[in-house]
Amino acid sequence: MPGVLMIVGTPLGNREDLSPRARAAIVGADLLLCEDTRSPNRLLG
């Protein structure tokens, strides 16, 4: 099965503004590349 690249924008202010589809894409990813490692910890924590 070919890989899938998903680019997910994250909210600048309130982490509750992250859409359910964006959250599902992040949580279901096999590999997550981030500009800043603090961002995903705040979003998913």
Protein backbone atom coordinates (compact mmCIF):
# COMPACT_ATOMS: atom_id res chain seq x y z
CA MET A 1 0.00 0.00 0.00
CA PRO A 2 1.46 3.40 -0.90
CA GLY A 3 2.14 5.92 1.84
CA VAL A 4 -0.02 8.96 2.44
CA LEU A 5 1.30 12.42 3.25
CA MET A 6 -1.07 14.52 5.32
CA ILE A 7 -0.27 18.13 6.13
CA VAL A 8 -2.28 19.31 9.11
CA GLY A 9 -2.42 22.93 10.18
CA THR A 10 -2.69 23.53 13.89
CA PRO A 11 -4.45 26.41 15.64
CA LEU A 12 -2.32 29.36 16.71
CA GLY A 13 -4.18 30.16 19.89
CA ASN A 14 -6.68 27.86 21.54
CA ARG A 15 -5.86 24.17 21.19
CA GLU A 16 -9.60 23.42 21.40
CA ASP A 17 -9.88 24.93 17.90
CA LEU A 18 -8.25 21.82 16.42
CA SER A 19 -10.86 20.04 14.30
CA PRO A 20 -11.83 16.43 15.00
CA ARG A 21 -10.48 15.41 11.56
CA ALA A 22 -7.13 17.08 12.24
CA ARG A 23 -6.89 15.44 15.67
CA ALA A 24 -7.72 12.02 14.15
CA ALA A 25 -5.04 12.48 11.47
CA ILE A 26 -2.42 13.36 14.08
CA VAL A 27 -3.36 10.57 16.49
CA GLY A 28 -3.52 7.97 13.71
CA ALA A 29 -0.18 8.86 12.14
CA ASP A 30 2.63 6.32 12.06
CA LEU A 31 5.17 9.14 11.87
CA LEU A 32 4.74 12.73 13.02
CA LEU A 33 7.15 15.49 11.96
CA CYS A 34 6.82 18.81 13.78
CA GLU A 35 8.48 22.18 13.59
CA ASP A 36 8.52 22.42 17.38
CA THR A 37 8.25 19.39 19.67
CA ARG A 38 6.27 21.34 22.28
CA SER A 39 3.34 21.83 19.89
CA PRO A 40 2.10 18.24 19.57
CA ASN A 41 2.53 17.64 23.29
CA ARG A 42 0.23 20.57 24.06
CA LEU A 43 -2.31 19.57 21.41
CA LEU A 44 -2.54 15.92 22.32
CA GLY A 45 -1.77 16.10 26.03
